[in-house]
């Protein structure tokens, strides 16, 4: 996965650097309701727009996945509770098996003792 990241990142960085070097002309940016006018290089305008768009897209994606993350947390807690219940049931079953084995040992007469029947 690390190599795939490098394989994608290096060409994108080279394209961004090439774009920045070839598009250095100033662009006048007017913000309509305000009287402010900014003069910025064209590459800065495009790259900042891409970064802001990427960040907004990531934020929207993260917010929309919140419902699913909440459901995963709830199901994980439920699975943990069920695992604890299962472990307790196994311990209880093992304890009961030990008690049954002990009761069988007490109830079974020794082999050298003859049991007389009344029949």
N, C-alpha and C. Protein backbone atom coordinates (compact mmCIF):
# COMPACT_ATOMS: atom_id res chain seq x y z
N UNK A 1 0.82 -1.18 0.00
CA UNK A 1 0.00 0.00 0.00
C UNK A 1 0.87 1.25 0.00
N UNK A 2 2.00 1.16 0.70
CA UNK A 2 2.89 2.31 0.75
C UNK A 2 3.45 2.63 -0.64
N UNK A 3 3.79 1.58 -1.39
CA UNK A 3 4.34 1.80 -2.74
C UNK A 3 3.29 2.38 -3.67
N UNK A 4 2.06 1.93 -3.53
CA UNK A 4 0.97 2.47 -4.35
C UNK A 4 0.79 3.96 -4.07
N UNK A 5 0.90 4.33 -2.82
CA UNK A 5 0.80 5.74 -2.44
C UNK A 5 1.90 6.56 -3.12
N UNK A 6 3.12 6.04 -3.12
CA UNK A 6 4.22 6.75 -3.79
C UNK A 6 4.02 6.79 -5.30
N UNK A 7 3.53 5.69 -5.87
CA UNK A 7 3.32 5.64 -7.32
C UNK A 7 2.30 6.68 -7.76
N UNK A 8 1.32 6.95 -6.93
CA UNK A 8 0.30 7.94 -7.27
C UNK A 8 0.77 9.35 -6.90
N UNK A 9 1.41 9.50 -5.75
CA UNK A 9 1.78 10.83 -5.25
C UNK A 9 2.86 11.51 -6.07
N UNK A 10 3.88 10.78 -6.48
CA UNK A 10 4.99 11.41 -7.21
C UNK A 10 4.54 11.98 -8.55
N UNK A 11 3.80 11.26 -9.38
CA UNK A 11 3.34 11.88 -10.63
C UNK A 11 2.41 13.07 -10.40
N UNK A 12 1.55 12.98 -9.39
CA UNK A 12 0.67 14.12 -9.10
C UNK A 12 1.48 15.34 -8.67
N UNK A 13 2.50 15.13 -7.86
CA UNK A 13 3.34 16.24 -7.43
C UNK A 13 4.09 16.84 -8.63
N UNK A 14 4.57 15.99 -9.52
CA UNK A 14 5.27 16.50 -10.71
C UNK A 14 4.32 17.31 -11.60
N UNK A 15 3.09 16.85 -11.75
CA UNK A 15 2.11 17.59 -12.55
C UNK A 15 1.81 18.93 -11.89
N UNK A 16 1.64 18.95 -10.56
CA UNK A 16 1.36 20.20 -9.85
C UNK A 16 2.53 21.17 -9.97
N UNK A 17 3.75 20.69 -9.86
CA UNK A 17 4.93 21.56 -9.99
C UNK A 17 5.02 22.10 -11.41
N UNK A 18 4.83 21.25 -12.39
CA UNK A 18 4.86 21.69 -13.78
C UNK A 18 3.78 22.74 -14.04
N UNK A 19 2.59 22.51 -13.52
CA UNK A 19 1.50 23.47 -13.68
C UNK A 19 1.84 24.80 -13.03
N UNK A 20 2.43 24.76 -11.83
CA UNK A 20 2.78 25.99 -11.12
C UNK A 20 3.86 26.77 -11.86
N UNK A 21 4.82 26.08 -12.45
CA UNK A 21 5.91 26.76 -13.15
C UNK A 21 5.41 27.41 -14.44
N UNK A 22 4.51 26.76 -15.14
CA UNK A 22 4.06 27.29 -16.43
C UNK A 22 2.91 28.28 -16.32
N UNK A 23 2.26 28.40 -15.18
CA UNK A 23 1.11 29.31 -15.04
C UNK A 23 1.35 30.29 -13.90
N UNK A 24 2.31 31.19 -14.12
CA UNK A 24 2.64 32.15 -13.08
C UNK A 24 2.05 33.53 -13.35
N UNK A 25 1.23 33.68 -14.39
CA UNK A 25 0.67 34.99 -14.69
C UNK A 25 -0.27 35.43 -13.57
N UNK A 26 -0.30 36.72 -13.27
CA UNK A 26 -1.20 37.20 -12.22
C UNK A 26 -2.65 37.22 -12.72
N UNK A 27 -3.55 36.89 -11.82
CA UNK A 27 -4.98 36.92 -12.10
C UNK A 27 -5.61 37.85 -11.08
N UNK A 28 -6.49 38.74 -11.55
CA UNK A 28 -7.18 39.65 -10.64
C UNK A 28 -8.47 38.97 -10.19
N UNK A 29 -8.60 38.85 -8.90
CA UNK A 29 -9.75 38.17 -8.31
C UNK A 29 -10.55 39.20 -7.53
N UNK A 30 -11.78 39.46 -7.98
CA UNK A 30 -12.65 40.41 -7.29
C UNK A 30 -13.72 39.66 -6.51
N UNK A 31 -13.88 40.03 -5.27
CA UNK A 31 -14.89 39.41 -4.43
C UNK A 31 -16.11 40.33 -4.44
N UNK A 32 -17.19 39.92 -5.12
CA UNK A 32 -18.29 40.77 -5.50
C UNK A 32 -18.92 41.62 -4.39
N UNK A 33 -19.43 41.05 -3.31
CA UNK A 33 -20.12 41.96 -2.39
C UNK A 33 -19.14 42.91 -1.69
N UNK A 34 -17.90 42.55 -1.70
CA UNK A 34 -16.88 43.41 -1.09
C UNK A 34 -16.16 44.17 -2.19
N UNK A 35 -15.52 45.23 -1.81
CA UNK A 35 -14.74 45.99 -2.79
C UNK A 35 -13.30 45.49 -2.85
N UNK A 36 -13.04 44.35 -2.29
CA UNK A 36 -11.68 43.82 -2.25
C UNK A 36 -11.31 43.21 -3.59
N UNK A 37 -10.08 43.47 -4.00
CA UNK A 37 -9.54 42.89 -5.23
C UNK A 37 -8.20 42.26 -4.87
N UNK A 38 -8.04 41.01 -5.26
CA UNK A 38 -6.79 40.30 -5.00
C UNK A 38 -6.11 40.00 -6.31
N UNK A 39 -4.80 40.12 -6.32
CA UNK A 39 -4.02 39.71 -7.48
C UNK A 39 -3.18 38.52 -7.04
N UNK A 40 -3.47 37.38 -7.63
CA UNK A 40 -2.78 36.14 -7.26
C UNK A 40 -2.29 35.46 -8.52
N UNK A 41 -1.25 34.64 -8.42
CA UNK A 41 -0.82 33.86 -9.59
C UNK A 41 -1.91 32.85 -9.96
N UNK A 42 -2.05 32.57 -11.23
CA UNK A 42 -3.12 31.67 -11.67
C UNK A 42 -2.98 30.26 -11.09
N UNK A 43 -1.73 29.79 -10.95
CA UNK A 43 -1.57 28.44 -10.39
C UNK A 43 -2.04 28.39 -8.94
N UNK A 44 -1.83 29.47 -8.19
CA UNK A 44 -2.27 29.49 -6.79
C UNK A 44 -3.78 29.42 -6.70
N UNK A 45 -4.45 30.14 -7.58
CA UNK A 45 -5.91 30.12 -7.59
C UNK A 45 -6.43 28.71 -7.87
N UNK A 46 -5.85 28.05 -8.86
CA UNK A 46 -6.31 26.70 -9.23
C UNK A 46 -5.95 25.69 -8.14
N UNK A 47 -4.72 25.71 -7.65
CA UNK A 47 -4.31 24.73 -6.65
C UNK A 47 -5.06 24.91 -5.33
N UNK A 48 -5.28 26.16 -4.92
CA UNK A 48 -6.04 26.40 -3.70
C UNK A 48 -7.48 25.93 -3.87
N UNK A 49 -8.05 26.16 -5.05
CA UNK A 49 -9.41 25.67 -5.32
C UNK A 49 -9.47 24.15 -5.23
N UNK A 50 -8.47 23.46 -5.77
CA UNK A 50 -8.44 22.00 -5.69
C UNK A 50 -8.32 21.51 -4.25
N UNK A 51 -7.45 22.15 -3.48
CA UNK A 51 -7.26 21.74 -2.08
C UNK A 51 -8.53 21.99 -1.27
N UNK A 52 -9.15 23.15 -1.46
CA UNK A 52 -10.39 23.45 -0.74
C UNK A 52 -11.49 22.47 -1.14
N UNK A 53 -11.60 22.18 -2.43
CA UNK A 53 -12.60 21.21 -2.89
C UNK A 53 -12.37 19.83 -2.32
N UNK A 54 -11.12 19.42 -2.25
CA UNK A 54 -10.78 18.12 -1.66
C UNK A 54 -11.15 18.09 -0.18
N UNK A 55 -10.84 19.17 0.54
CA UNK A 55 -11.15 19.22 1.97
C UNK A 55 -12.65 19.22 2.21
N UNK A 56 -13.40 19.99 1.43
CA UNK A 56 -14.86 20.03 1.59
C UNK A 56 -15.46 18.66 1.25
N UNK A 57 -14.98 18.03 0.21
CA UNK A 57 -15.46 16.69 -0.15
C UNK A 57 -15.18 15.68 0.95
N UNK A 58 -14.00 15.74 1.53
CA UNK A 58 -13.67 14.84 2.63
C UNK A 58 -14.54 15.08 3.85
N UNK A 59 -14.81 16.35 4.15
CA UNK A 59 -15.66 16.69 5.28
C UNK A 59 -17.09 16.18 5.07
N UNK A 60 -17.63 16.40 3.87
CA UNK A 60 -18.98 15.92 3.57
C UNK A 60 -19.04 14.40 3.65
N UNK A 61 -18.04 13.73 3.14
CA UNK A 61 -17.99 12.27 3.19
C UNK A 61 -17.92 11.78 4.63
N UNK A 62 -17.10 12.42 5.45
CA UNK A 62 -16.96 12.04 6.85
C UNK A 62 -18.27 12.25 7.60
N UNK A 63 -18.92 13.38 7.36
CA UNK A 63 -20.19 13.66 8.03
C UNK A 63 -21.28 12.68 7.61
N UNK A 64 -21.32 12.33 6.34
CA UNK A 64 -22.35 11.41 5.87
C UNK A 64 -22.12 9.99 6.37
N UNK A 65 -20.91 9.64 6.71
CA UNK A 65 -20.61 8.30 7.22
C UNK A 65 -20.80 8.20 8.73
N UNK A 66 -21.17 9.29 9.38
CA UNK A 66 -21.33 9.29 10.83
C UNK A 66 -22.36 8.29 11.31
N UNK A 67 -23.46 8.15 10.59
CA UNK A 67 -24.51 7.21 10.95
C UNK A 67 -23.96 5.78 10.95
N UNK A 68 -23.14 5.48 9.97
CA UNK A 68 -22.57 4.13 9.87
C UNK A 68 -21.54 3.88 10.97
N UNK A 69 -20.74 4.89 11.29
CA UNK A 69 -19.77 4.74 12.37
C UNK A 69 -20.48 4.50 13.70
N UNK A 70 -21.59 5.22 13.92
CA UNK A 70 -22.36 5.05 15.15
C UNK A 70 -22.92 3.62 15.22
N UNK A 71 -23.44 3.12 14.10
CA UNK A 71 -23.98 1.75 14.07
C UNK A 71 -22.88 0.73 14.34
N UNK A 72 -21.70 0.96 13.80
CA UNK A 72 -20.58 0.04 14.04
C UNK A 72 -20.19 0.03 15.51
N UNK A 73 -20.14 1.21 16.14
CA UNK A 73 -19.82 1.27 17.57
C UNK A 73 -20.87 0.52 18.39
N UNK A 74 -22.15 0.71 18.04
CA UNK A 74 -23.23 0.04 18.76
C UNK A 74 -23.12 -1.48 18.62
N UNK A 75 -22.88 -1.95 17.40
CA UNK A 75 -22.78 -3.40 17.17
C UNK A 75 -21.52 -3.98 17.81
N UNK A 76 -20.45 -3.21 17.85
CA UNK A 76 -19.22 -3.68 18.51
C UNK A 76 -19.47 -3.84 20.01
N UNK A 77 -20.17 -2.87 20.61
CA UNK A 77 -20.49 -2.98 22.03
C UNK A 77 -21.40 -4.18 22.29
N UNK A 78 -22.36 -4.40 21.39
CA UNK A 78 -23.26 -5.55 21.53
C UNK A 78 -22.48 -6.86 21.41
N UNK A 79 -21.56 -6.93 20.46
CA UNK A 79 -20.75 -8.15 20.29
C UNK A 79 -19.88 -8.38 21.52
N UNK A 80 -19.33 -7.31 22.09
CA UNK A 80 -18.52 -7.47 23.30
C UNK A 80 -19.36 -8.00 24.46
N UNK A 81 -20.59 -7.47 24.60
CA UNK A 81 -21.48 -7.94 25.66
C UNK A 81 -21.85 -9.40 25.45
N UNK A 82 -22.16 -9.77 24.22
CA UNK A 82 -22.48 -11.17 23.92
C UNK A 82 -21.30 -12.09 24.19
N UNK A 83 -20.08 -11.62 23.90
CA UNK A 83 -18.89 -12.43 24.18
C UNK A 83 -18.72 -12.62 25.68
N UNK A 84 -18.96 -11.56 26.46
CA UNK A 84 -18.87 -11.70 27.92
C UNK A 84 -19.93 -12.68 28.44
N UNK A 85 -21.15 -12.59 27.89
CA UNK A 85 -22.21 -13.52 28.28
C UNK A 85 -21.83 -14.96 27.93
N UNK A 86 -21.27 -15.16 26.76
CA UNK A 86 -20.86 -16.50 26.34
C UNK A 86 -19.76 -17.04 27.24
N UNK A 87 -18.79 -16.20 27.58
CA UNK A 87 -17.72 -16.64 28.48
C UNK A 87 -18.28 -17.03 29.84
N UNK A 88 -19.22 -16.23 30.36
CA UNK A 88 -19.84 -16.55 31.65
C UNK A 88 -20.61 -17.85 31.57
N UNK A 89 -21.34 -18.07 30.47
CA UNK A 89 -22.10 -19.32 30.30
C UNK A 89 -21.16 -20.52 30.21
N UNK A 90 -20.03 -20.36 29.55
CA UNK A 90 -19.07 -21.47 29.46
C UNK A 90 -18.49 -21.80 30.83
N UNK A 91 -18.17 -20.77 31.61
CA UNK A 91 -17.66 -21.01 32.96
C UNK A 91 -18.71 -21.71 33.81
N UNK A 92 -19.95 -21.27 33.70
CA UNK A 92 -21.04 -21.89 34.46
C UNK A 92 -21.22 -23.35 34.04
N UNK A 93 -21.17 -23.62 32.74
CA UNK A 93 -21.31 -25.00 32.24
C UNK A 93 -20.16 -25.87 32.75
N UNK A 94 -18.95 -25.34 32.75
CA UNK A 94 -17.80 -26.11 33.24
C UNK A 94 -17.96 -26.41 34.73
N UNK A 95 -18.46 -25.42 35.49
CA UNK A 95 -18.69 -25.63 36.91
C UNK A 95 -19.74 -26.72 37.14
N UNK A 96 -20.82 -26.67 36.35
CA UNK A 96 -21.86 -27.70 36.48
C UNK A 96 -21.33 -29.08 36.11
N UNK A 97 -20.50 -29.16 35.08
CA UNK A 97 -19.91 -30.45 34.70
C UNK A 97 -19.03 -31.01 35.82
N UNK A 98 -18.28 -30.13 36.49
CA UNK A 98 -17.46 -30.58 37.62
C UNK A 98 -18.33 -31.09 38.76
N UNK A 99 -19.43 -30.38 39.02
CA UNK A 99 -20.34 -30.82 40.09
C UNK A 99 -20.98 -32.17 39.76
N UNK A 100 -21.38 -32.35 38.50
CA UNK A 100 -21.98 -33.62 38.09
C UNK A 100 -20.96 -34.75 38.23
N UNK A 101 -19.73 -34.50 37.81
CA UNK A 101 -18.68 -35.53 37.92
C UNK A 101 -18.42 -35.87 39.39
N UNK A 102 -18.42 -34.85 40.24
CA UNK A 102 -18.20 -35.09 41.67
C UNK A 102 -19.36 -35.87 42.27
N UNK A 103 -20.58 -35.54 41.85
CA UNK A 103 -21.75 -36.25 42.36
C UNK A 103 -21.75 -37.70 41.89
N UNK A 104 -21.32 -37.95 40.66
CA UNK A 104 -21.23 -39.32 40.16
C UNK A 104 -20.21 -40.13 40.94
N UNK A 105 -19.11 -39.51 41.30
CA UNK A 105 -18.08 -40.21 42.07
C UNK A 105 -18.60 -40.57 43.47
N UNK A 106 -19.36 -39.69 44.07
CA UNK A 106 -19.90 -39.95 45.40
C UNK A 106 -20.99 -41.01 45.34
N UNK A 107 -21.84 -40.97 44.33
CA UNK A 107 -22.98 -41.87 44.24
C UNK A 107 -22.58 -43.27 43.78
N UNK A 108 -21.48 -43.43 43.11
CA UNK A 108 -21.06 -44.74 42.61
C UNK A 108 -20.35 -45.49 43.73
N UNK A 109 -20.85 -46.70 44.08
CA UNK A 109 -20.18 -47.46 45.14
C UNK A 109 -18.85 -48.01 44.64
N UNK A 110 -17.94 -48.25 45.52
CA UNK A 110 -16.67 -48.83 45.12
C UNK A 110 -16.88 -50.21 44.50
N UNK A 111 -15.95 -50.66 43.71
CA UNK A 111 -16.08 -51.92 42.97
C UNK A 111 -16.05 -53.13 43.90
N UNK A 112 -15.37 -53.05 45.04
CA UNK A 112 -15.25 -54.21 45.92
C UNK A 112 -16.44 -54.37 46.87
N UNK A 113 -17.36 -53.44 46.91
CA UNK A 113 -18.54 -53.53 47.77
C UNK A 113 -19.68 -54.13 46.97
N UNK A 114 -20.32 -55.14 47.55
CA UNK A 114 -21.45 -55.75 46.87
C UNK A 114 -22.72 -55.08 47.36
N UNK A 115 -23.53 -54.73 46.41
CA UNK A 115 -24.80 -54.11 46.74
C UNK A 115 -25.85 -55.20 46.74
N UNK A 116 -26.54 -55.32 47.81
CA UNK A 116 -27.57 -56.36 47.91
C UNK A 116 -28.92 -55.77 47.55
N UNK A 117 -29.62 -56.56 46.84
CA UNK A 117 -30.93 -56.08 46.45
C UNK A 117 -31.98 -56.81 47.27
N UNK A 118 -33.13 -56.24 47.40
CA UNK A 118 -34.19 -56.82 48.20
C UNK A 118 -35.09 -57.72 47.38
N UNK A 119 -34.84 -57.99 46.24
CA UNK A 119 -35.68 -58.83 45.38
C UNK A 119 -35.42 -60.26 45.58
